[in-house]
Amino acid sequence: MTYEKILPYLSKREDFPALVVEKLARCTLDYREKIRFVHGTRAAAEPHSAAGVLLLLHFRSNDPASDLNGGEFIFQLIKRSARVTQPGDLSCPGGLLHSFLDPLLRPLISCRLIPILQGNALKYTLLRDRTTSRAITLFLTNAVREAWEETGLKPWNILFLGPLPTYSLLLFKRTIFPLVGFVKKEWHFYPNSEVENIIEIPLTTFFDERNYGVYRIQPSHDLGAGRKDSREFPCLIIHDNLGKEEILWGATFFIIMNFLKIVLDVEMPDVHEKRVITRILGPEYLTGHHK
């Protein structure tokens, strides 16, 4: 889909979420296989973990900086604080599945006591196989709970749009189950100690090839054995109104690019000739600074 065809969708608050629901309903999911894999590692010395995250969409009306008439859609991400692993990274709100609490809270969403899951998104969830359908509602519960704890985003301000395929991390034994949610109203950000800030990225940012780059990760000498070689990843370079840069890379970058591919058929541009940004990763990236 060309940018000219995409633009009308991104200026209409009701049309784009409806398109997202329809497109995500058709995407192939690997939830059943990944859950089976995670369960199979329970007895291992280092078991694999599972985490639900929310890719949050919000419609910002009448933004004077936008060339869209009615407003524009933005992604709402968190910037991780220095107290947690992967400090400084941009990520979707969410976290590890709680084996007791999340199954206990799941009926609040699956039985629609909290109106997150409704309309066509509910219908398409129920049309999937039972294991996948239950996994969607479980990880949605997990992600919504974590988002509320991390940012103060209340569950009744979220409308579920659909699931995305999983993503497995490279540095951690963890599989991410991403769910897309629409934030219905403006909300006040109340971060906990795990979150430094909310970073908002207009969807149109991803359609400008000048915003892409290469993120070169160089492990420090004390990061640990087996992690000495530098690696390069595609990234998005974001500039705020004050000129400060934020870098979107890794799992969250690929989750968003997968979303754009599924929903809008947008391909990631070739980044090999783009700007290169180097970052040294120390041991605190894997452990966080605990104060």
Foldseek 3Di string as FASTA:
>chain_A
DDPVVVQVQFQDPPRQLVLLLVLQLPDDADVVVVVVQQVVQPPPPAGFFEKEFEFEKEWDAPDVVDPRHGTGIKTKWFQWDLFFAQHRATGGFITTQDPPPLVVCLCCPLVCVQVQEDDSSVVSLVPDDPVSSSVVSSNVSRHQVRCCQAWVQHSNQKHWRHWDYWDAADPGSYIYTYTYIYRNDDDHTDGDNGTDDMDIGTPVLQVDLLQKAKEKEAEDPAQDPPRGDIDIWIWGWDQDPVGDTGIHTDPRVVRVQRSCCSSPVDHHDDHPPHYYHYDYDYNSNGGGDHD
